[in-house]
Structure formats: C-alpha cells, structure tokens
Amino acid sequence: MNLAFIAFYLIFLLGCFVASIFIIYHITRYSINKKSSTIMLILFVSVLVILFLINFSIFINIDIINAFNFVSTFNLDSSSF
C-alpha cells in the first residue's frame, strides 16, 4: 500500500512537471514581447518551485502507515455483500 501511494504521488509529480514544461514552452514561444516573457517566466518558475517544495514537504510529513489504517478494518469477504 505504501509503495502504491508513493508511486501514485510520483506519477502526479511527473504530470505536474510535464504540464509546467508545456506552460513554459508556450510562455516563451507565444509571448508578445521579450520583456513580458521574461517577467512571466520568472514569476511562473518561482511560484512553481515554491508550490512543489510545499507539496513535497507536506508529503514527507504524512504518516502513511497510520493514514491508511482504516483500510485493514474493512471486511471485504464475499459474505459481507
């Protein structure tokens, strides 16, 4: 369960990283002028880094074993349906 949760989190981070590369490409490619492109890139990358650091620090502090403790209390036998 722990490895699955970590794998899903890493897939989520990879998806966010790909989306941010997509956004950075479009900011640089389709900006009106160079000055606004530079300002928007600095703003986007700084907010992106801050959000990734906050997300990662919160994920590290989650007690995964106790957070999913309720799953073991479910009775999923065929007789319970």
PDB file of N, CA and C in Angstrom:
ATOM      1  N   MET A   1       0.832  -1.193   0.000  1.00  0.00           N
ATOM      2  CA  MET A   1       0.000   0.000   0.000  1.00  0.00           C
ATOM      3  C   MET A   1       0.869   1.245   0.000  1.00  0.00           C
ATOM      4  N   ASN A   2       1.935   1.219   0.799  1.00  0.00           N
ATOM      5  CA  ASN A   2       2.812   2.385   0.867  1.00  0.00           C
ATOM      6  C   ASN A   2       3.502   2.643  -0.461  1.00  0.00           C
ATOM      7  N   LEU A   3       3.980   1.585  -1.091  1.00  0.00           N
ATOM      8  CA  LEU A   3       4.661   1.749  -2.375  1.00  0.00           C
ATOM      9  C   LEU A   3       3.698   2.230  -3.457  1.00  0.00           C
ATOM     10  N   ALA A   4       2.466   1.766  -3.408  1.00  0.00           N
ATOM     11  CA  ALA A   4       1.470   2.212  -4.384  1.00  0.00           C
ATOM     12  C   ALA A   4       1.184   3.695  -4.201  1.00  0.00           C
ATOM     13  N   PHE A   5       1.056   4.124  -2.952  1.00  0.00           N
ATOM     14  CA  PHE A   5       0.792   5.534  -2.680  1.00  0.00           C
ATOM     15  C   PHE A   5       1.957   6.403  -3.146  1.00  0.00           C
ATOM     16  N   ILE A   6       3.177   5.964  -2.895  1.00  0.00           N
ATOM     17  CA  ILE A   6       4.354   6.707  -3.331  1.00  0.00           C
ATOM     18  C   ILE A   6       4.437   6.729  -4.857  1.00  0.00           C
ATOM     19  N   ALA A   7       4.095   5.628  -5.498  1.00  0.00           N
ATOM     20  CA  ALA A   7       4.117   5.569  -6.964  1.00  0.00           C
ATOM     21  C   ALA A   7       3.087   6.524  -7.560  1.00  0.00           C
ATOM     22  N   PHE A   8       1.883   6.560  -6.984  1.00  0.00           N
ATOM     23  CA  PHE A   8       0.872   7.493  -7.478  1.00  0.00           C
ATOM     24  C   PHE A   8       1.314   8.941  -7.274  1.00  0.00           C
ATOM     25  N   TYR A   9       1.973   9.214  -6.170  1.00  0.00           N
ATOM     26  CA  TYR A   9       2.460  10.564  -5.923  1.00  0.00           C
ATOM     27  C   TYR A   9       3.539  10.945  -6.929  1.00  0.00           C
ATOM     28  N   LEU A  10       4.446  10.019  -7.237  1.00  0.00           N
ATOM     29  CA  LEU A  10       5.491  10.300  -8.220  1.00  0.00           C
ATOM     30  C   LEU A  10       4.908  10.489  -9.616  1.00  0.00           C
ATOM     31  N   ILE A  11       3.872   9.738  -9.953  1.00  0.00           N
ATOM     32  CA  ILE A  11       3.189   9.936 -11.239  1.00  0.00           C
ATOM     33  C   ILE A  11       2.529  11.304 -11.270  1.00  0.00           C
ATOM     34  N   PHE A  12       1.938  11.719 -10.155  1.00  0.00           N
ATOM     35  CA  PHE A  12       1.342  13.052 -10.062  1.00  0.00           C
ATOM     36  C   PHE A  12       2.399  14.132 -10.262  1.00  0.00           C
ATOM     37  N   LEU A  13       3.553  13.985  -9.606  1.00  0.00           N
ATOM     38  CA  LEU A  13       4.623  14.967  -9.763  1.00  0.00           C
ATOM     39  C   LEU A  13       5.152  15.015 -11.192  1.00  0.00           C
ATOM     40  N   LEU A  14       5.252  13.856 -11.817  1.00  0.00           N
ATOM     41  CA  LEU A  14       5.690  13.806 -13.210  1.00  0.00           C
ATOM     42  C   LEU A  14       4.692  14.514 -14.121  1.00  0.00           C
ATOM     43  N   GLY A  15       3.418  14.317 -13.883  1.00  0.00           N
ATOM     44  CA  GLY A  15       2.377  15.008 -14.652  1.00  0.00           C
ATOM     45  C   GLY A  15       2.439  16.514 -14.465  1.00  0.00           C
ATOM     46  N   CYS A  16       2.667  16.958 -13.239  1.00  0.00           N
ATOM     47  CA  CYS A  16       2.808  18.395 -12.977  1.00  0.00           C
ATOM     48  C   CYS A  16       4.043  18.955 -13.663  1.00  0.00           C
ATOM     49  N   PHE A  17       5.121  18.185 -13.661  1.00  0.00           N
ATOM     50  CA  PHE A  17       6.348  18.626 -14.318  1.00  0.00           C
ATOM     51  C   PHE A  17       6.149  18.747 -15.830  1.00  0.00           C
ATOM     52  N   VAL A  18       5.485  17.788 -16.440  1.00  0.00           N
ATOM     53  CA  VAL A  18       5.214  17.846 -17.879  1.00  0.00           C
ATOM     54  C   VAL A  18       4.302  19.034 -18.208  1.00  0.00           C
ATOM     55  N   ALA A  19       3.292  19.271 -17.378  1.00  0.00           N
ATOM     56  CA  ALA A  19       2.401  20.402 -17.599  1.00  0.00           C
ATOM     57  C   ALA A  19       3.155  21.725 -17.462  1.00  0.00           C
ATOM     58  N   SER A  20       4.089  21.803 -16.520  1.00  0.00           N
ATOM     59  CA  SER A  20       4.846  23.044 -16.359  1.00  0.00           C
ATOM     60  C   SER A  20       5.788  23.280 -17.540  1.00  0.00           C
ATOM     61  N   ILE A  21       6.369  22.217 -18.088  1.00  0.00           N
ATOM     62  CA  ILE A  21       7.199  22.353 -19.289  1.00  0.00           C
ATOM     63  C   ILE A  21       6.336  22.858 -20.451  1.00  0.00           C
ATOM     64  N   PHE A  22       5.126  22.350 -20.574  1.00  0.00           N
ATOM     65  CA  PHE A  22       4.183  22.795 -21.601  1.00  0.00           C
ATOM     66  C   PHE A  22       3.874  24.287 -21.447  1.00  0.00           C
ATOM     67  N   ILE A  23       3.643  24.724 -20.223  1.00  0.00           N
ATOM     68  CA  ILE A  23       3.340  26.132 -19.965  1.00  0.00           C
ATOM     69  C   ILE A  23       4.554  27.000 -20.248  1.00  0.00           C
ATOM     70  N   ILE A  24       5.730  26.575 -19.814  1.00  0.00           N
ATOM     71  CA  ILE A  24       6.954  27.350 -20.066  1.00  0.00           C
ATOM     72  C   ILE A  24       7.205  27.482 -21.562  1.00  0.00           C
ATOM     73  N   TYR A  25       6.985  26.412 -22.306  1.00  0.00           N
ATOM     74  CA  TYR A  25       7.158  26.475 -23.758  1.00  0.00           C
ATOM     75  C   TYR A  25       6.225  27.517 -24.373  1.00  0.00           C
ATOM     76  N   HIS A  26       4.976  27.524 -23.957  1.00  0.00           N
ATOM     77  CA  HIS A  26       4.026  28.461 -24.543  1.00  0.00           C
ATOM     78  C   HIS A  26       4.273  29.896 -24.092  1.00  0.00           C
ATOM     79  N   ILE A  27       4.788  30.080 -22.890  1.00  0.00           N
ATOM     80  CA  ILE A  27       5.139  31.443 -22.459  1.00  0.00           C
ATOM     81  C   ILE A  27       6.278  31.975 -23.311  1.00  0.00           C
ATOM     82  N   THR A  28       7.277  31.156 -23.558  1.00  0.00           N
ATOM     83  CA  THR A  28       8.429  31.630 -24.344  1.00  0.00           C
ATOM     84  C   THR A  28       8.104  31.735 -25.829  1.00  0.00           C
ATOM     85  N   ARG A  29       7.295  30.846 -26.334  1.00  0.00           N
ATOM     86  CA  ARG A  29       7.029  30.815 -27.774  1.00  0.00           C
ATOM     87  C   ARG A  29       6.020  31.864 -28.213  1.00  0.00           C
ATOM     88  N   TYR A  30       4.985  32.083 -27.439  1.00  0.00           N
ATOM     89  CA  TYR A  30       3.875  32.924 -27.876  1.00  0.00           C
ATOM     90  C   TYR A  30       3.715  34.210 -27.073  1.00  0.00           C
ATOM     91  N   SER A  31       4.775  34.702 -26.478  1.00  0.00           N
ATOM     92  CA  SER A  31       4.668  35.965 -25.748  1.00  0.00           C
ATOM     93  C   SER A  31       4.693  37.133 -26.733  1.00  0.00           C
ATOM     94  N   ILE A  32       4.117  38.246 -26.304  1.00  0.00           N
ATOM     95  CA  ILE A  32       4.024  39.417 -27.178  1.00  0.00           C
ATOM     96  C   ILE A  32       5.388  40.087 -27.325  1.00  0.00           C
ATOM     97  N   ASN A  33       6.076  40.257 -26.225  1.00  0.00           N
ATOM     98  CA  ASN A  33       7.431  40.819 -26.321  1.00  0.00           C
ATOM     99  C   ASN A  33       8.360  40.097 -25.341  1.00  0.00           C
ATOM    100  N   LYS A  34       9.633  40.348 -25.485  1.00  0.00           N
ATOM    101  CA  LYS A  34      10.658  39.640 -24.708  1.00  0.00           C
ATOM    102  C   LYS A  34      10.598  40.010 -23.224  1.00  0.00           C
ATOM    103  N   LYS A  35      10.307  41.262 -22.917  1.00  0.00           N
ATOM    104  CA  LYS A  35      10.278  41.711 -21.524  1.00  0.00           C
ATOM    105  C   LYS A  35       9.147  41.020 -20.748  1.00  0.00           C
ATOM    106  N   SER A  36       7.970  40.974 -21.342  1.00  0.00           N
ATOM    107  CA  SER A  36       6.855  40.320 -20.652  1.00  0.00           C
ATOM    108  C   SER A  36       7.097  38.813 -20.531  1.00  0.00           C
ATOM    109  N   SER A  37       7.755  38.229 -21.511  1.00  0.00           N
ATOM    110  CA  SER A  37       8.088  36.812 -21.443  1.00  0.00           C
ATOM    111  C   SER A  37       9.028  36.527 -20.282  1.00  0.00           C
ATOM    112  N   THR A  38      10.028  37.366 -20.120  1.00  0.00           N
ATOM    113  CA  THR A  38      10.988  37.171 -19.032  1.00  0.00           C
ATOM    114  C   THR A  38      10.325  37.331 -17.671  1.00  0.00           C
ATOM    115  N   ILE A  39       9.494  38.326 -17.531  1.00  0.00           N
ATOM    116  CA  ILE A  39       8.802  38.565 -16.257  1.00  0.00           C
ATOM    117  C   ILE A  39       7.868  37.399 -15.929  1.00  0.00           C
ATOM    118  N   MET A  40       7.121  36.943 -16.910  1.00  0.00           N
ATOM    119  CA  MET A  40       6.192  35.841 -16.671  1.00  0.00           C
ATOM    120  C   MET A  40       6.924  34.530 -16.378  1.00  0.00           C
ATOM    121  N   LEU A  41       8.062  34.304 -17.027  1.00  0.00           N
ATOM    122  CA  LEU A  41       8.841  33.096 -16.737  1.00  0.00           C
ATOM    123  C   LEU A  41       9.391  33.114 -15.318  1.00  0.00           C
ATOM    124  N   ILE A  42       9.913  34.249 -14.907  1.00  0.00           N
ATOM    125  CA  ILE A  42      10.435  34.362 -13.537  1.00  0.00           C
ATOM    126  C   ILE A  42       9.314  34.151 -12.528  1.00  0.00           C
ATOM    127  N   LEU A  43       8.169  34.754 -12.774  1.00  0.00           N
ATOM    128  CA  LEU A  43       7.032  34.613 -11.870  1.00  0.00           C
ATOM    129  C   LEU A  43       6.526  33.167 -11.843  1.00  0.00           C
ATOM    130  N   PHE A  44       6.359  32.571 -13.006  1.00  0.00           N
ATOM    131  CA  PHE A  44       5.835  31.203 -13.071  1.00  0.00           C
ATOM    132  C   PHE A  44       6.787  30.208 -12.428  1.00  0.00           C
ATOM    133  N   VAL A  45       8.056  30.294 -12.744  1.00  0.00           N
ATOM    134  CA  VAL A  45       9.022  29.333 -12.210  1.00  0.00           C
ATOM    135  C   VAL A  45       9.173  29.489 -10.705  1.00  0.00           C
ATOM    136  N   SER A  46       9.163  30.720 -10.207  1.00  0.00           N
ATOM    137  CA  SER A  46       9.299  30.912  -8.760  1.00  0.00           C
ATOM    138  C   SER A  46       8.083  30.370  -8.015  1.00  0.00           C
ATOM    139  N   VAL A  47       6.886  30.613  -8.522  1.00  0.00           N
ATOM    140  CA  VAL A  47       5.683  30.071  -7.877  1.00  0.00           C
ATOM    141  C   VAL A  47       5.657  28.547  -7.998  1.00  0.00           C
ATOM    142  N   LEU A  48       6.072  28.029  -9.134  1.00  0.00           N
ATOM    143  CA  LEU A  48       6.124  26.586  -9.337  1.00  0.00           C
ATOM    144  C   LEU A  48       7.067  25.912  -8.345  1.00  0.00           C
ATOM    145  N   VAL A  49       8.239  26.467  -8.162  1.00  0.00           N
ATOM    146  CA  VAL A  49       9.206  25.890  -7.228  1.00  0.00           C
ATOM    147  C   VAL A  49       8.679  25.953  -5.799  1.00  0.00           C
ATOM    148  N   ILE A  50       8.083  27.064  -5.427  1.00  0.00           N
ATOM    149  CA  ILE A  50       7.529  27.194  -4.070  1.00  0.00           C
ATOM    150  C   ILE A  50       6.423  26.163  -3.839  1.00  0.00           C
ATOM    151  N   LEU A  51       5.515  26.006  -4.814  1.00  0.00           N
ATOM    152  CA  LEU A  51       4.430  25.049  -4.653  1.00  0.00           C
ATOM    153  C   LEU A  51       4.932  23.603  -4.612  1.00  0.00           C
ATOM    154  N   PHE A  52       5.919  23.274  -5.439  1.00  0.00           N
ATOM    155  CA  PHE A  52       6.483  21.927  -5.396  1.00  0.00           C
ATOM    156  C   PHE A  52       7.169  21.654  -4.067  1.00  0.00           C
ATOM    157  N   LEU A  53       7.894  22.628  -3.531  1.00  0.00           N
ATOM    158  CA  LEU A  53       8.557  22.430  -2.245  1.00  0.00           C
ATOM    159  C   LEU A  53       7.559  22.250  -1.115  1.00  0.00           C
ATOM    160  N   ILE A  54       6.489  23.047  -1.122  1.00  0.00           N
ATOM    161  CA  ILE A  54       5.457  22.915  -0.096  1.00  0.00           C
ATOM    162  C   ILE A  54       4.776  21.553  -0.205  1.00  0.00           C
ATOM    163  N   ASN A  55       4.426  21.167  -1.431  1.00  0.00           N
ATOM    164  CA  ASN A  55       3.766  19.879  -1.640  1.00  0.00           C
ATOM    165  C   ASN A  55       4.661  18.731  -1.202  1.00  0.00           C
ATOM    166  N   PHE A  56       5.921  18.764  -1.556  1.00  0.00           N
ATOM    167  CA  PHE A  56       6.843  17.687  -1.196  1.00  0.00           C
ATOM    168  C   PHE A  56       7.075  17.635   0.306  1.00  0.00           C
ATOM    169  N   SER A  57       7.200  18.798   0.953  1.00  0.00           N
ATOM    170  CA  SER A  57       7.417  18.792   2.402  1.00  0.00           C
ATOM    171  C   SER A  57       6.198  18.269   3.153  1.00  0.00           C
ATOM    172  N   ILE A  58       5.010  18.562   2.667  1.00  0.00           N
ATOM    173  CA  ILE A  58       3.808  18.024   3.303  1.00  0.00           C
ATOM    174  C   ILE A  58       3.715  16.522   3.072  1.00  0.00           C
ATOM    175  N   PHE A  59       4.062  16.066   1.869  1.00  0.00           N
ATOM    176  CA  PHE A  59       4.011  14.630   1.581  1.00  0.00           C
ATOM    177  C   PHE A  59       4.980  13.851   2.453  1.00  0.00           C
ATOM    178  N   ILE A  60       6.156  14.390   2.689  1.00  0.00           N
ATOM    179  CA  ILE A  60       7.141  13.700   3.527  1.00  0.00           C
ATOM    180  C   ILE A  60       6.630  13.558   4.957  1.00  0.00           C
ATOM    181  N   ASN A  61       5.870  14.535   5.435  1.00  0.00           N
ATOM    182  CA  ASN A  61       5.405  14.516   6.818  1.00  0.00           C
ATOM    183  C   ASN A  61       4.157  13.672   7.046  1.00  0.00           C
ATOM    184  N   ILE A  62       3.572  13.111   5.995  1.00  0.00           N
ATOM    185  CA  ILE A  62       2.394  12.261   6.158  1.00  0.00           C
ATOM    186  C   ILE A  62       2.829  10.910   6.730  1.00  0.00           C
ATOM    187  N   ASP A  63       2.134  10.484   7.747  1.00  0.00           N
ATOM    188  CA  ASP A  63       2.365   9.154   8.306  1.00  0.00           C
ATOM    189  C   ASP A  63       1.502   8.171   7.525  1.00  0.00           C
ATOM    190  N   ILE A  64       2.074   7.577   6.506  1.00  0.00           N
ATOM    191  CA  ILE A  64       1.310   6.760   5.560  1.00  0.00           C
ATOM    192  C   ILE A  64       0.745   5.513   6.230  1.00  0.00           C
ATOM    193  N   ILE A  65       1.486   4.931   7.137  1.00  0.00           N
ATOM    194  CA  ILE A  65       1.029   3.694   7.779  1.00  0.00           C
ATOM    195  C   ILE A  65      -0.235   3.950   8.595  1.00  0.00           C
ATOM    196  N   ASN A  66      -0.256   5.014   9.371  1.00  0.00           N
ATOM    197  CA  ASN A  66      -1.433   5.312  10.182  1.00  0.00           C
ATOM    198  C   ASN A  66      -2.542   5.985   9.385  1.00  0.00           C
ATOM    199  N   ALA A  67      -2.197   6.661   8.296  1.00  0.00           N
ATOM    200  CA  ALA A  67      -3.215   7.334   7.499  1.00  0.00           C
ATOM    201  C   ALA A  67      -4.118   6.343   6.791  1.00  0.00           C
ATOM    202  N   PHE A  68      -3.581   5.191   6.398  1.00  0.00           N
ATOM    203  CA  PHE A  68      -4.378   4.187   5.706  1.00  0.00           C
ATOM    204  C   PHE A  68      -4.689   3.000   6.603  1.00  0.00           C
ATOM    205  N   ASN A  69      -4.723   3.226   7.883  1.00  0.00           N
ATOM    206  CA  ASN A  69      -5.024   2.168   8.841  1.00  0.00           C
ATOM    207  C   ASN A  69      -6.476   1.715   8.749  1.00  0.00           C
ATOM    208  N   PHE A  70      -7.372   2.587   8.292  1.00  0.00           N
ATOM    209  CA  PHE A  70      -8.783   2.237   8.209  1.00  0.00           C
ATOM    210  C   PHE A  70      -9.044   1.182   7.134  1.00  0.00           C
ATOM    211  N   VAL A  71      -8.156   1.021   6.168  1.00  0.00           N
ATOM    212  CA  VAL A  71      -8.365   0.060   5.091  1.00  0.00           C
ATOM    213  C   VAL A  71      -8.366  -1.367   5.631  1.00  0.00           C
ATOM    214  N   SER A  72      -7.540  -1.644   6.610  1.00  0.00           N
ATOM    215  CA  SER A  72      -7.473  -3.002   7.152  1.00  0.00           C
ATOM    216  C   SER A  72      -8.703  -3.358   7.980  1.00  0.00           C
ATOM    217  N   THR A  73      -9.498  -2.382   8.387  1.00  0.00           N
ATOM    218  CA  THR A  73     -10.688  -2.674   9.188  1.00  0.00           C
ATOM    219  C   THR A  73     -11.879  -3.062   8.331  1.00  0.00           C
ATOM    220  N   PHE A  74     -11.829  -2.825   7.028  1.00  0.00           N
ATOM    221  CA  PHE A  74     -12.928  -3.214   6.152  1.00  0.00           C
ATOM    222  C   PHE A  74     -12.944  -4.725   5.971  1.00  0.00           C
ATOM    223  N   ASN A  75     -14.125  -5.287   5.965  1.00  0.00           N
ATOM    224  CA  ASN A  75     -14.283  -6.709   5.720  1.00  0.00           C
ATOM    225  C   ASN A  75     -14.772  -6.861   4.287  1.00  0.00           C
ATOM    226  N   LEU A  76     -13.906  -7.317   3.423  1.00  0.00           N
ATOM    227  CA  LEU A  76     -14.244  -7.414   2.004  1.00  0.00           C
ATOM    228  C   LEU A  76     -14.468  -8.859   1.565  1.00  0.00           C
ATOM    229  N   ASP A  77     -14.921  -9.698   2.476  1.00  0.00           N
ATOM    230  CA  ASP A  77     -15.239 -11.069   2.118  1.00  0.00           C
ATOM    231  C   ASP A  77     -16.502 -11.105   1.256  1.00  0.00           C
ATOM    232  N   SER A  78     -16.666 -12.182   0.544  1.00  0.00           N
ATOM    233  CA  SER A  78     -17.867 -12.291  -0.320  1.00  0.00           C
ATOM    234  C   SER A  78     -19.136 -12.383   0.505  1.00  0.00           C
ATOM    235  N   SER A  79     -19.037 -12.818   1.732  1.00  0.00           N
ATOM    236  CA  SER A  79     -20.226 -12.931   2.573  1.00  0.00           C
ATOM    237  C   SER A  79     -20.695 -11.580   3.100  1.00  0.00           C
ATOM    238  N   SER A  80     -19.858 -10.548   2.990  1.00  0.00           N
ATOM    239  CA  SER A  80     -20.243  -9.252   3.527  1.00  0.00           C
ATOM    240  C   SER A  80     -21.096  -8.456   2.544  1.00  0.00           C
ATOM    241  N   PHE A  81     -21.266  -8.954   1.334  1.00  0.00           N
ATOM    242  CA  PHE A  81     -22.065  -8.214   0.354  1.00  0.00           C
ATOM    243  C   PHE A  81     -23.466  -8.653   0.400  1.00  0.00           C
TER     244      PHE A  81
END
